[in-house]
């Protein structure tokens, strides 16, 4: 069995704990054993998973991999700590708030001979797989992707583009590399409203 720890118990972290404790039959998850979770808040236990300190998770010889599900801003530091401790790392997107930091982390994982995987669970859903089949072999002439959500705390989530990075990953996976041609941001703080509009070009324009 491969010992794991979940770091962060927001929506994504709780889903990780649930799935690790109840793996799908005959799935690779059956070989993973959840040995605890780490959180700044005090929970005690969650569904029989016990809360452990970050220090214990880093030191434990039984923990081989960490699932990082914290706010965006802390991803980089947490990844570094677990790679330094000789653990494999799976992190929810985005891996870091800058490309420079991301490349440094990839290099560090390679030097440590550890797996560093950025997870985008939406790309594994049946709905997305169907969408990919529908656009296969077709040329994109023009398109719009619009989505809404609650206003994020930029101190934790990073620049607004990071709240939309999942959809950017969709587009790159569906249509290949993209070039940003323009980006604008509109804010109405009194209404707690923010909107970002970005225009891209595919490689064939």
N, C-alpha and C. Protein backbone atom coordinates (compact mmCIF):
# COMPACT_ATOMS: atom_id res chain seq x y z
N UNK A 1 0.84 -1.20 0.00
CA UNK A 1 0.00 0.00 0.00
C UNK A 1 0.87 1.24 0.00
N UNK A 2 0.36 2.29 -0.63
CA UNK A 2 1.08 3.54 -0.79
C UNK A 2 0.46 4.56 0.16
N UNK A 3 1.19 4.97 1.18
CA UNK A 3 0.65 5.89 2.19
C UNK A 3 0.48 7.30 1.66
N UNK A 4 -0.67 7.93 1.93
CA UNK A 4 -0.96 9.28 1.44
C UNK A 4 -1.48 10.17 2.55
N UNK A 5 -1.37 11.49 2.32
CA UNK A 5 -1.94 12.49 3.21
C UNK A 5 -2.62 13.55 2.36
N UNK A 6 -3.75 14.05 2.83
CA UNK A 6 -4.45 15.14 2.15
C UNK A 6 -4.16 16.42 2.91
N UNK A 7 -3.73 17.46 2.20
CA UNK A 7 -3.41 18.75 2.81
C UNK A 7 -4.45 19.77 2.36
N UNK A 8 -5.25 20.25 3.32
CA UNK A 8 -6.34 21.18 2.99
C UNK A 8 -7.66 20.44 2.93
N UNK A 9 -8.66 20.95 3.64
CA UNK A 9 -9.95 20.25 3.67
C UNK A 9 -11.10 21.18 3.28
N UNK A 10 -10.91 21.86 2.15
CA UNK A 10 -12.02 22.59 1.53
C UNK A 10 -12.83 21.59 0.71
N UNK A 11 -13.52 22.07 -0.31
CA UNK A 11 -14.35 21.20 -1.15
C UNK A 11 -13.51 20.10 -1.79
N UNK A 12 -12.37 20.49 -2.40
CA UNK A 12 -11.53 19.51 -3.08
C UNK A 12 -10.91 18.52 -2.10
N UNK A 13 -10.42 19.02 -0.96
CA UNK A 13 -9.79 18.16 0.02
C UNK A 13 -10.76 17.13 0.60
N UNK A 14 -11.98 17.57 0.90
CA UNK A 14 -12.99 16.65 1.44
C UNK A 14 -13.34 15.57 0.41
N UNK A 15 -13.37 15.97 -0.87
CA UNK A 15 -13.64 14.98 -1.94
C UNK A 15 -12.51 13.97 -2.02
N UNK A 16 -11.28 14.44 -1.85
CA UNK A 16 -10.12 13.53 -1.85
C UNK A 16 -10.22 12.52 -0.70
N UNK A 17 -10.53 13.03 0.48
CA UNK A 17 -10.65 12.15 1.65
C UNK A 17 -11.72 11.09 1.40
N UNK A 18 -12.87 11.53 0.90
CA UNK A 18 -13.98 10.60 0.61
C UNK A 18 -13.55 9.52 -0.38
N UNK A 19 -12.89 9.95 -1.48
CA UNK A 19 -12.53 8.99 -2.53
C UNK A 19 -11.41 8.05 -2.10
N UNK A 20 -10.48 8.55 -1.27
CA UNK A 20 -9.39 7.69 -0.81
C UNK A 20 -9.90 6.66 0.21
N UNK A 21 -10.93 7.03 0.96
CA UNK A 21 -11.47 6.10 1.95
C UNK A 21 -12.46 5.11 1.34
N UNK A 22 -12.98 5.45 0.17
CA UNK A 22 -13.94 4.57 -0.52
C UNK A 22 -13.55 4.44 -1.99
N UNK A 23 -12.42 3.79 -2.27
CA UNK A 23 -11.94 3.72 -3.66
C UNK A 23 -12.86 2.87 -4.55
N UNK A 24 -12.89 3.21 -5.83
CA UNK A 24 -13.66 2.43 -6.79
C UNK A 24 -13.02 1.04 -6.89
N UNK A 25 -13.82 -0.02 -6.93
CA UNK A 25 -13.25 -1.37 -7.06
C UNK A 25 -12.37 -1.50 -8.29
N UNK A 26 -11.23 -2.15 -8.13
CA UNK A 26 -10.26 -2.42 -9.20
C UNK A 26 -9.61 -1.16 -9.76
N UNK A 27 -9.74 -0.01 -9.07
CA UNK A 27 -9.08 1.23 -9.51
C UNK A 27 -7.72 1.34 -8.82
N UNK A 28 -6.81 2.16 -9.39
CA UNK A 28 -5.50 2.37 -8.75
C UNK A 28 -5.62 2.88 -7.31
N UNK A 29 -6.73 3.55 -7.00
CA UNK A 29 -6.91 4.11 -5.65
C UNK A 29 -6.95 3.03 -4.58
N UNK A 30 -7.23 1.80 -4.98
CA UNK A 30 -7.26 0.72 -4.01
C UNK A 30 -5.88 0.46 -3.41
N UNK A 31 -4.84 0.94 -4.09
CA UNK A 31 -3.47 0.74 -3.61
C UNK A 31 -2.99 1.91 -2.75
N UNK A 32 -3.87 2.90 -2.55
CA UNK A 32 -3.53 4.07 -1.73
C UNK A 32 -4.16 3.95 -0.35
N UNK A 33 -3.40 4.27 0.65
CA UNK A 33 -3.92 4.22 2.02
C UNK A 33 -3.83 5.61 2.63
N UNK A 34 -4.98 6.19 2.98
CA UNK A 34 -5.01 7.52 3.59
C UNK A 34 -4.57 7.41 5.05
N UNK A 35 -3.47 8.06 5.38
CA UNK A 35 -2.93 8.00 6.74
C UNK A 35 -3.26 9.24 7.57
N UNK A 36 -3.94 10.20 6.95
CA UNK A 36 -4.34 11.38 7.70
C UNK A 36 -4.56 12.58 6.80
N UNK A 37 -4.96 13.68 7.42
CA UNK A 37 -5.11 14.94 6.69
C UNK A 37 -4.52 16.07 7.52
N UNK A 38 -4.13 17.13 6.82
CA UNK A 38 -3.53 18.30 7.46
C UNK A 38 -4.42 19.50 7.22
N UNK A 39 -4.68 20.27 8.27
CA UNK A 39 -5.48 21.49 8.13
C UNK A 39 -5.07 22.49 9.21
N UNK A 40 -5.19 23.78 8.87
CA UNK A 40 -4.93 24.82 9.88
C UNK A 40 -6.03 24.85 10.93
N UNK A 41 -7.24 24.42 10.52
CA UNK A 41 -8.36 24.37 11.45
C UNK A 41 -8.33 23.04 12.21
N UNK A 42 -8.94 23.03 13.38
CA UNK A 42 -8.95 21.82 14.20
C UNK A 42 -10.23 21.03 13.95
N UNK A 43 -10.08 19.81 13.44
CA UNK A 43 -11.23 18.96 13.15
C UNK A 43 -11.26 17.69 14.00
N UNK A 44 -10.10 17.20 14.38
CA UNK A 44 -10.05 15.90 15.03
C UNK A 44 -10.04 14.83 13.96
N UNK A 45 -11.20 14.23 13.71
CA UNK A 45 -11.32 13.22 12.65
C UNK A 45 -12.39 13.63 11.65
N UNK A 46 -12.22 13.17 10.40
CA UNK A 46 -13.25 13.34 9.38
C UNK A 46 -13.46 11.97 8.76
N UNK A 47 -14.65 11.41 8.96
CA UNK A 47 -14.96 10.08 8.41
C UNK A 47 -13.86 9.06 8.70
N UNK A 48 -13.42 8.98 9.90
CA UNK A 48 -12.40 8.04 10.36
C UNK A 48 -10.98 8.42 9.93
N UNK A 49 -10.84 9.46 9.11
CA UNK A 49 -9.49 9.95 8.77
C UNK A 49 -9.04 10.86 9.91
N UNK A 50 -7.81 10.66 10.38
CA UNK A 50 -7.37 11.44 11.54
C UNK A 50 -6.56 12.66 11.10
N UNK A 51 -6.71 13.73 11.85
CA UNK A 51 -5.94 14.95 11.59
C UNK A 51 -4.54 14.78 12.16
N UNK A 52 -3.53 15.14 11.36
CA UNK A 52 -2.15 15.09 11.82
C UNK A 52 -1.50 16.45 11.52
N UNK A 53 -0.40 16.72 12.17
CA UNK A 53 0.27 18.00 11.95
C UNK A 53 1.07 17.95 10.65
N UNK A 54 1.34 19.12 10.10
CA UNK A 54 2.15 19.20 8.89
C UNK A 54 3.53 18.59 9.14
N UNK A 55 4.09 18.88 10.30
CA UNK A 55 5.43 18.36 10.64
C UNK A 55 5.43 16.83 10.65
N UNK A 56 4.40 16.22 11.22
CA UNK A 56 4.31 14.75 11.25
C UNK A 56 4.16 14.18 9.85
N UNK A 57 3.38 14.87 9.01
CA UNK A 57 3.19 14.40 7.63
C UNK A 57 4.50 14.44 6.86
N UNK A 58 5.28 15.49 7.06
CA UNK A 58 6.56 15.62 6.36
C UNK A 58 7.58 14.59 6.85
N UNK A 59 7.53 14.29 8.15
CA UNK A 59 8.52 13.38 8.75
C UNK A 59 8.19 11.91 8.56
N UNK A 60 6.92 11.59 8.41
CA UNK A 60 6.49 10.20 8.40
C UNK A 60 7.12 9.39 7.27
N UNK A 61 7.67 8.24 7.63
CA UNK A 61 8.25 7.33 6.63
C UNK A 61 7.15 6.52 5.95
N UNK A 62 5.97 6.49 6.58
CA UNK A 62 4.86 5.72 6.01
C UNK A 62 4.10 6.51 4.93
N UNK A 63 4.23 7.84 4.95
CA UNK A 63 3.56 8.68 3.96
C UNK A 63 4.48 8.86 2.76
N UNK A 64 4.02 8.39 1.60
CA UNK A 64 4.82 8.46 0.38
C UNK A 64 4.37 9.59 -0.56
N UNK A 65 3.13 10.05 -0.39
CA UNK A 65 2.60 11.06 -1.33
C UNK A 65 1.64 12.00 -0.63
N UNK A 66 1.61 13.25 -1.11
CA UNK A 66 0.70 14.26 -0.57
C UNK A 66 -0.26 14.73 -1.65
N UNK A 67 -1.53 14.88 -1.28
CA UNK A 67 -2.56 15.46 -2.15
C UNK A 67 -2.80 16.88 -1.64
N UNK A 68 -2.39 17.89 -2.40
CA UNK A 68 -2.47 19.28 -1.94
C UNK A 68 -3.73 19.95 -2.48
N UNK A 69 -4.60 20.36 -1.57
CA UNK A 69 -5.89 20.96 -1.94
C UNK A 69 -6.12 22.26 -1.19
N UNK A 70 -5.06 23.04 -1.02
CA UNK A 70 -5.16 24.31 -0.29
C UNK A 70 -5.47 25.44 -1.26
N UNK A 71 -5.50 26.69 -0.75
CA UNK A 71 -5.72 27.83 -1.63
C UNK A 71 -4.50 28.00 -2.56
N UNK A 72 -4.74 28.60 -3.71
CA UNK A 72 -3.71 28.72 -4.76
C UNK A 72 -2.39 29.29 -4.25
N UNK A 73 -2.49 30.32 -3.43
CA UNK A 73 -1.29 31.05 -3.00
C UNK A 73 -0.30 30.15 -2.27
N UNK A 74 -0.79 29.15 -1.55
CA UNK A 74 0.10 28.32 -0.74
C UNK A 74 0.59 27.06 -1.46
N UNK A 75 0.12 26.82 -2.69
CA UNK A 75 0.53 25.61 -3.40
C UNK A 75 2.05 25.49 -3.53
N UNK A 76 2.69 26.56 -4.01
CA UNK A 76 4.13 26.51 -4.27
C UNK A 76 4.92 26.11 -3.03
N UNK A 77 4.67 26.78 -1.91
CA UNK A 77 5.42 26.51 -0.68
C UNK A 77 5.17 25.08 -0.18
N UNK A 78 3.91 24.63 -0.25
CA UNK A 78 3.58 23.30 0.24
C UNK A 78 4.22 22.22 -0.63
N UNK A 79 4.20 22.42 -1.95
CA UNK A 79 4.85 21.47 -2.86
C UNK A 79 6.33 21.35 -2.52
N UNK A 80 6.98 22.50 -2.35
CA UNK A 80 8.42 22.49 -2.03
C UNK A 80 8.71 21.68 -0.76
N UNK A 81 7.90 21.89 0.26
CA UNK A 81 8.12 21.19 1.53
C UNK A 81 8.02 19.67 1.36
N UNK A 82 7.01 19.23 0.62
CA UNK A 82 6.82 17.78 0.48
C UNK A 82 7.86 17.16 -0.47
N UNK A 83 8.26 17.89 -1.50
CA UNK A 83 9.33 17.37 -2.36
C UNK A 83 10.64 17.28 -1.58
N UNK A 84 10.93 18.32 -0.77
CA UNK A 84 12.14 18.31 0.07
C UNK A 84 12.12 17.11 1.02
N UNK A 85 10.92 16.74 1.47
CA UNK A 85 10.78 15.62 2.40
C UNK A 85 10.79 14.27 1.69
N UNK A 86 10.94 14.30 0.36
CA UNK A 86 11.02 13.06 -0.40
C UNK A 86 9.68 12.41 -0.70
N UNK A 87 8.62 13.23 -0.81
CA UNK A 87 7.29 12.70 -1.11
C UNK A 87 6.89 13.04 -2.55
N UNK A 88 6.09 12.15 -3.14
CA UNK A 88 5.43 12.47 -4.40
C UNK A 88 4.32 13.48 -4.11
N UNK A 89 3.94 14.28 -5.12
CA UNK A 89 2.94 15.32 -4.89
C UNK A 89 1.91 15.36 -6.02
N UNK A 90 0.64 15.38 -5.62
CA UNK A 90 -0.45 15.70 -6.53
C UNK A 90 -1.05 17.00 -6.02
N UNK A 91 -1.19 17.99 -6.90
CA UNK A 91 -1.70 19.29 -6.49
C UNK A 91 -2.85 19.70 -7.39
N UNK A 92 -3.87 20.29 -6.79
CA UNK A 92 -4.95 20.86 -7.59
C UNK A 92 -4.40 22.05 -8.38
N UNK A 93 -4.93 22.28 -9.59
CA UNK A 93 -4.47 23.41 -10.39
C UNK A 93 -4.79 24.72 -9.68
N UNK A 94 -4.04 25.78 -9.87
CA UNK A 94 -2.76 25.84 -10.57
C UNK A 94 -1.62 25.43 -9.62
N UNK A 95 -0.52 24.95 -10.19
CA UNK A 95 0.59 24.51 -9.36
C UNK A 95 1.23 25.67 -8.61
N UNK A 96 1.34 26.82 -9.28
CA UNK A 96 1.96 28.00 -8.67
C UNK A 96 1.36 29.24 -9.32
N UNK A 97 1.68 30.39 -8.78
CA UNK A 97 1.13 31.64 -9.31
C UNK A 97 2.02 32.28 -10.36
N UNK A 98 3.11 31.59 -10.74
CA UNK A 98 3.95 32.10 -11.84
C UNK A 98 4.55 30.93 -12.58
N UNK A 99 4.81 31.13 -13.88
CA UNK A 99 5.42 30.08 -14.69
C UNK A 99 6.83 29.77 -14.19
N UNK A 100 7.55 30.80 -13.74
CA UNK A 100 8.92 30.62 -13.25
C UNK A 100 8.94 29.64 -12.06
N UNK A 101 8.03 29.86 -11.12
CA UNK A 101 7.95 28.98 -9.95
C UNK A 101 7.58 27.56 -10.36
N UNK A 102 6.65 27.44 -11.32
CA UNK A 102 6.23 26.11 -11.77
C UNK A 102 7.40 25.34 -12.37
N UNK A 103 8.21 26.01 -13.21
CA UNK A 103 9.38 25.35 -13.82
C UNK A 103 10.38 24.92 -12.75
N UNK A 104 10.55 25.76 -11.73
CA UNK A 104 11.48 25.42 -10.65
C UNK A 104 11.00 24.16 -9.91
N UNK A 105 9.68 24.06 -9.72
CA UNK A 105 9.12 22.91 -9.02
C UNK A 105 9.26 21.63 -9.85
N UNK A 106 9.03 21.77 -11.18
CA UNK A 106 9.22 20.59 -12.06
C UNK A 106 10.67 20.11 -11.96
N UNK A 107 11.61 21.06 -12.02
CA UNK A 107 13.04 20.71 -11.94
C UNK A 107 13.36 20.04 -10.61
N UNK A 108 12.79 20.57 -9.56
CA UNK A 108 13.05 20.02 -8.22
C UNK A 108 12.52 18.58 -8.12
N UNK A 109 11.33 18.33 -8.65
CA UNK A 109 10.75 16.99 -8.63
C UNK A 109 11.62 16.01 -9.41
N UNK A 110 12.13 16.49 -10.54
CA UNK A 110 13.00 15.64 -11.37
C UNK A 110 14.29 15.29 -10.62
N UNK A 111 14.87 16.30 -9.98
CA UNK A 111 16.10 16.07 -9.21
C UNK A 111 15.87 15.09 -8.06
N UNK A 112 14.69 15.17 -7.45
CA UNK A 112 14.37 14.30 -6.32
C UNK A 112 13.84 12.94 -6.77
N UNK A 113 13.65 12.79 -8.10
CA UNK A 113 13.10 11.57 -8.68
C UNK A 113 11.70 11.28 -8.11
N UNK A 114 10.88 12.35 -8.04
CA UNK A 114 9.53 12.23 -7.51
C UNK A 114 8.51 12.68 -8.56
N UNK A 115 7.32 12.14 -8.45
CA UNK A 115 6.23 12.54 -9.34
C UNK A 115 5.61 13.83 -8.82
N UNK A 116 5.46 14.83 -9.72
CA UNK A 116 4.73 16.06 -9.41
C UNK A 116 3.64 16.17 -10.46
N UNK A 117 2.40 15.98 -10.04
CA UNK A 117 1.27 15.92 -10.96
C UNK A 117 0.28 17.03 -10.64
N UNK A 118 -0.09 17.79 -11.65
CA UNK A 118 -1.13 18.83 -11.48
C UNK A 118 -2.45 18.24 -11.94
N UNK A 119 -3.42 18.22 -11.04
CA UNK A 119 -4.69 17.58 -11.33
C UNK A 119 -5.73 18.56 -11.85
N UNK A 120 -6.39 18.17 -12.93
CA UNK A 120 -7.54 18.93 -13.41
C UNK A 120 -8.65 17.91 -13.63
N UNK A 121 -9.40 17.65 -12.58
CA UNK A 121 -10.36 16.55 -12.56
C UNK A 121 -11.42 16.69 -13.65
N UNK A 122 -11.72 17.94 -14.06
CA UNK A 122 -12.77 18.14 -15.06
C UNK A 122 -12.42 17.47 -16.39
N UNK A 123 -11.13 17.36 -16.69
CA UNK A 123 -10.72 16.75 -17.96
C UNK A 123 -10.96 15.25 -17.97
N UNK A 124 -11.29 14.67 -16.83
CA UNK A 124 -11.51 13.23 -16.73
C UNK A 124 -13.00 12.87 -16.68
N UNK A 125 -13.87 13.89 -16.71
CA UNK A 125 -15.31 13.61 -16.62
C UNK A 125 -15.86 13.12 -17.96
N UNK A 126 -16.97 12.38 -17.90
CA UNK A 126 -17.59 11.86 -19.13
C UNK A 126 -18.09 13.00 -20.01
N UNK A 127 -18.59 14.09 -19.38
CA UNK A 127 -19.09 15.23 -20.16
C UNK A 127 -17.97 15.85 -20.98
N UNK A 128 -16.79 15.99 -20.37
CA UNK A 128 -15.68 16.59 -21.10
C UNK A 128 -15.18 15.66 -22.20
N UNK A 129 -15.12 14.37 -21.91
CA UNK A 129 -14.68 13.41 -22.93
C UNK A 129 -15.60 13.47 -24.16
N UNK A 130 -16.91 13.63 -23.90
CA UNK A 130 -17.87 13.74 -25.00
C UNK A 130 -17.63 15.02 -25.80
N UNK A 131 -17.38 16.12 -25.09
CA UNK A 131 -17.10 17.39 -25.77
C UNK A 131 -15.87 17.25 -26.66
N UNK A 132 -14.84 16.57 -26.17
CA UNK A 132 -13.61 16.40 -26.95
C UNK A 132 -13.87 15.59 -28.22
N UNK A 133 -14.74 14.58 -28.11
CA UNK A 133 -15.10 13.78 -29.30
C UNK A 133 -15.81 14.65 -30.33
N UNK A 134 -16.68 15.55 -29.84
CA UNK A 134 -17.49 16.38 -30.74
C UNK A 134 -16.64 17.38 -31.53
N UNK A 135 -15.54 17.85 -30.96
CA UNK A 135 -14.73 18.86 -31.67
C UNK A 135 -13.57 18.22 -32.44
N UNK A 136 -13.34 16.93 -32.24
CA UNK A 136 -12.21 16.26 -32.90
C UNK A 136 -12.33 16.36 -34.41
N UNK A 137 -11.22 16.80 -35.05
CA UNK A 137 -11.18 16.90 -36.51
C UNK A 137 -11.85 18.12 -37.09
N UNK A 138 -12.40 18.98 -36.24
CA UNK A 138 -13.08 20.19 -36.72
C UNK A 138 -12.17 21.39 -36.53
N UNK A 139 -12.33 22.39 -37.39
CA UNK A 139 -11.58 23.63 -37.26
C UNK A 139 -12.39 24.64 -36.46
N UNK A 140 -11.75 25.23 -35.47
CA UNK A 140 -12.42 26.28 -34.70
C UNK A 140 -12.36 27.58 -35.49
N UNK A 141 -13.51 28.13 -35.82
CA UNK A 141 -13.57 29.40 -36.54
C UNK A 141 -13.69 30.54 -35.53
N UNK A 142 -14.64 30.41 -34.63
CA UNK A 142 -14.83 31.42 -33.60
C UNK A 142 -15.64 30.79 -32.47
N UNK A 143 -15.38 31.20 -31.26
CA UNK A 143 -16.14 30.65 -30.16
C UNK A 143 -16.04 31.50 -28.92
N UNK A 144 -16.99 31.31 -28.02
CA UNK A 144 -17.00 32.03 -26.75
C UNK A 144 -17.24 31.04 -25.62
N UNK A 145 -16.47 31.19 -24.58
CA UNK A 145 -16.67 30.39 -23.37
C UNK A 145 -16.93 31.37 -22.24
N UNK A 146 -18.11 31.28 -21.64
CA UNK A 146 -18.51 32.22 -20.59
C UNK A 146 -18.81 31.42 -19.33
N UNK A 147 -18.28 31.82 -18.20
CA UNK A 147 -18.61 31.16 -16.96
C UNK A 147 -18.65 32.17 -15.83
N UNK A 148 -19.39 31.83 -14.81
CA UNK A 148 -19.56 32.74 -13.67
C UNK A 148 -19.19 32.02 -12.39
N UNK A 149 -18.97 32.78 -11.35
CA UNK A 149 -18.65 32.20 -10.05
C UNK A 149 -18.63 33.29 -9.01
N UNK A 150 -18.42 32.89 -7.78
CA UNK A 150 -18.35 33.88 -6.71
C UNK A 150 -17.03 34.63 -6.78
N UNK A 151 -16.98 35.82 -6.23
CA UNK A 151 -15.77 36.62 -6.22
C UNK A 151 -14.76 35.98 -5.27
N UNK A 152 -13.54 35.77 -5.75
CA UNK A 152 -12.51 35.09 -4.95
C UNK A 152 -11.65 36.09 -4.20
N UNK A 153 -11.10 35.65 -3.10
CA UNK A 153 -10.14 36.44 -2.34
C UNK A 153 -8.80 36.41 -3.08
N UNK A 154 -8.42 37.52 -3.69
CA UNK A 154 -7.21 37.54 -4.52
C UNK A 154 -5.95 37.27 -3.71
N UNK A 155 -5.97 37.58 -2.42
CA UNK A 155 -4.79 37.30 -1.59
C UNK A 155 -4.52 35.81 -1.49
N UNK A 156 -5.58 35.00 -1.59
CA UNK A 156 -5.42 33.55 -1.51
C UNK A 156 -5.45 32.88 -2.87
N UNK A 157 -6.30 33.37 -3.76
CA UNK A 157 -6.50 32.71 -5.06
C UNK A 157 -5.56 33.23 -6.14
N UNK A 158 -4.97 34.41 -5.93
CA UNK A 158 -4.12 34.99 -6.97
C UNK A 158 -4.92 35.86 -7.93
N UNK A 159 -4.23 36.39 -8.94
CA UNK A 159 -4.85 37.26 -9.94
C UNK A 159 -6.06 36.57 -10.56
N UNK A 160 -7.11 37.32 -10.93
CA UNK A 160 -8.36 36.72 -11.41
C UNK A 160 -8.21 35.69 -12.52
N UNK A 161 -7.18 35.82 -13.35
CA UNK A 161 -6.99 34.84 -14.41
C UNK A 161 -6.85 33.42 -13.85
N UNK A 162 -6.37 33.31 -12.61
CA UNK A 162 -6.19 31.98 -12.03
C UNK A 162 -7.51 31.32 -11.70
N UNK A 163 -8.55 32.12 -11.46
CA UNK A 163 -9.85 31.50 -11.20
C UNK A 163 -10.44 30.93 -12.48
N UNK A 164 -9.90 31.33 -13.62
CA UNK A 164 -10.37 30.81 -14.91
C UNK A 164 -9.39 29.88 -15.58
N UNK A 165 -8.32 29.52 -14.88
CA UNK A 165 -7.27 28.72 -15.52
C UNK A 165 -7.76 27.33 -15.90
N UNK A 166 -8.76 26.83 -15.20
CA UNK A 166 -9.30 25.51 -15.55
C UNK A 166 -9.89 25.55 -16.94
N UNK A 167 -10.60 26.63 -17.25
CA UNK A 167 -11.23 26.73 -18.58
C UNK A 167 -10.19 26.95 -19.66
N UNK A 168 -9.11 27.65 -19.32
CA UNK A 168 -8.02 27.83 -20.27
C UNK A 168 -7.40 26.46 -20.59
N UNK A 169 -7.28 25.62 -19.58
CA UNK A 169 -6.76 24.27 -19.79
C UNK A 169 -7.69 23.49 -20.72
N UNK A 170 -9.00 23.66 -20.56
CA UNK A 170 -9.96 23.05 -21.49
C UNK A 170 -9.60 23.44 -22.92
N UNK A 171 -9.48 24.75 -23.14
CA UNK A 171 -9.29 25.24 -24.50
C UNK A 171 -8.00 24.73 -25.13
N UNK A 172 -6.93 24.71 -24.35
CA UNK A 172 -5.65 24.23 -24.87
C UNK A 172 -5.74 22.74 -25.19
N UNK A 173 -6.40 21.99 -24.33
CA UNK A 173 -6.56 20.55 -24.57
C UNK A 173 -7.41 20.29 -25.81
N UNK A 174 -8.40 21.13 -26.04
CA UNK A 174 -9.30 20.94 -27.18
C UNK A 174 -8.72 21.46 -28.49
N UNK A 175 -8.01 22.60 -28.43
CA UNK A 175 -7.63 23.28 -29.67
C UNK A 175 -6.14 23.56 -29.82
N UNK A 176 -5.31 23.10 -28.88
CA UNK A 176 -3.87 23.32 -29.00
C UNK A 176 -3.43 24.64 -28.38
N UNK A 177 -2.18 25.00 -28.64
CA UNK A 177 -1.61 26.21 -28.04
C UNK A 177 -2.39 27.45 -28.45
N UNK A 178 -2.50 28.39 -27.53
CA UNK A 178 -3.22 29.63 -27.77
C UNK A 178 -2.32 30.82 -27.49
N UNK A 179 -2.58 31.91 -28.18
CA UNK A 179 -1.86 33.16 -27.95
C UNK A 179 -2.86 34.21 -27.47
N UNK A 180 -2.52 34.89 -26.38
CA UNK A 180 -3.39 35.96 -25.88
C UNK A 180 -3.22 37.18 -26.78
N UNK A 181 -4.33 37.70 -27.31
CA UNK A 181 -4.26 38.91 -28.14
C UNK A 181 -4.72 40.14 -27.36
N UNK A 182 -5.59 39.95 -26.38
CA UNK A 182 -6.00 41.08 -25.54
C UNK A 182 -6.66 40.56 -24.27
N UNK A 183 -6.62 41.38 -23.24
CA UNK A 183 -7.28 41.03 -21.99
C UNK A 183 -7.70 42.32 -21.29
N UNK A 184 -8.93 42.35 -20.82
CA UNK A 184 -9.44 43.52 -20.11
C UNK A 184 -10.12 43.07 -18.83
N UNK A 185 -10.16 43.97 -17.86
CA UNK A 185 -10.82 43.65 -16.60
C UNK A 185 -11.73 44.81 -16.20
N UNK A 186 -12.93 44.45 -15.80
CA UNK A 186 -13.91 45.44 -15.33
C UNK A 186 -14.24 45.12 -13.88
N UNK A 187 -14.23 46.15 -13.04
CA UNK A 187 -14.54 45.96 -11.63
C UNK A 187 -15.58 46.96 -11.16
N UNK A 188 -16.54 46.50 -10.36
CA UNK A 188 -17.49 47.36 -9.68
C UNK A 188 -17.49 46.94 -8.22
N UNK A 189 -16.56 47.52 -7.46
CA UNK A 189 -16.36 47.06 -6.08
C UNK A 189 -17.59 47.25 -5.22
N UNK A 190 -18.35 48.32 -5.49
CA UNK A 190 -19.54 48.56 -4.67
C UNK A 190 -20.58 47.45 -4.87
N UNK A 191 -20.54 46.77 -6.03
CA UNK A 191 -21.46 45.66 -6.31
C UNK A 191 -20.79 44.30 -6.11
N UNK A 192 -19.51 44.33 -5.66
CA UNK A 192 -18.73 43.10 -5.50
C UNK A 192 -18.70 42.31 -6.80
N UNK A 193 -18.44 43.04 -7.90
CA UNK A 193 -18.51 42.45 -9.24
C UNK A 193 -17.16 42.62 -9.94
N UNK A 194 -16.72 41.58 -10.59
CA UNK A 194 -15.48 41.63 -11.36
C UNK A 194 -15.65 40.76 -12.60
N UNK A 195 -15.15 41.26 -13.73
CA UNK A 195 -15.26 40.50 -14.97
C UNK A 195 -13.96 40.62 -15.74
N UNK A 196 -13.48 39.50 -16.24
CA UNK A 196 -12.27 39.48 -17.05
C UNK A 196 -12.62 38.91 -18.42
N UNK A 197 -12.21 39.60 -19.48
CA UNK A 197 -12.47 39.13 -20.84
C UNK A 197 -11.14 38.97 -21.55
N UNK A 198 -10.91 37.78 -22.08
CA UNK A 198 -9.64 37.49 -22.74
C UNK A 198 -9.91 36.94 -24.13
N UNK A 199 -9.14 37.44 -25.11
CA UNK A 199 -9.25 36.97 -26.49
C UNK A 199 -7.99 36.17 -26.84
N UNK A 200 -8.20 35.01 -27.46
CA UNK A 200 -7.10 34.14 -27.85
C UNK A 200 -7.14 33.87 -29.35
N UNK A 201 -5.97 33.51 -29.87
CA UNK A 201 -5.87 32.99 -31.24
C UNK A 201 -5.25 31.61 -31.19
N UNK A 202 -5.79 30.69 -32.01
CA UNK A 202 -5.17 29.37 -32.15
C UNK A 202 -3.95 29.50 -33.06
N UNK A 203 -3.17 28.44 -33.18
CA UNK A 203 -1.94 28.51 -34.00
C UNK A 203 -2.25 28.81 -35.47
N UNK A 204 -3.44 28.38 -35.95
CA UNK A 204 -3.79 28.69 -37.35
C UNK A 204 -4.64 29.96 -37.48
N UNK A 205 -4.58 30.78 -36.40
CA UNK A 205 -5.23 32.10 -36.36
C UNK A 205 -6.75 32.01 -36.35
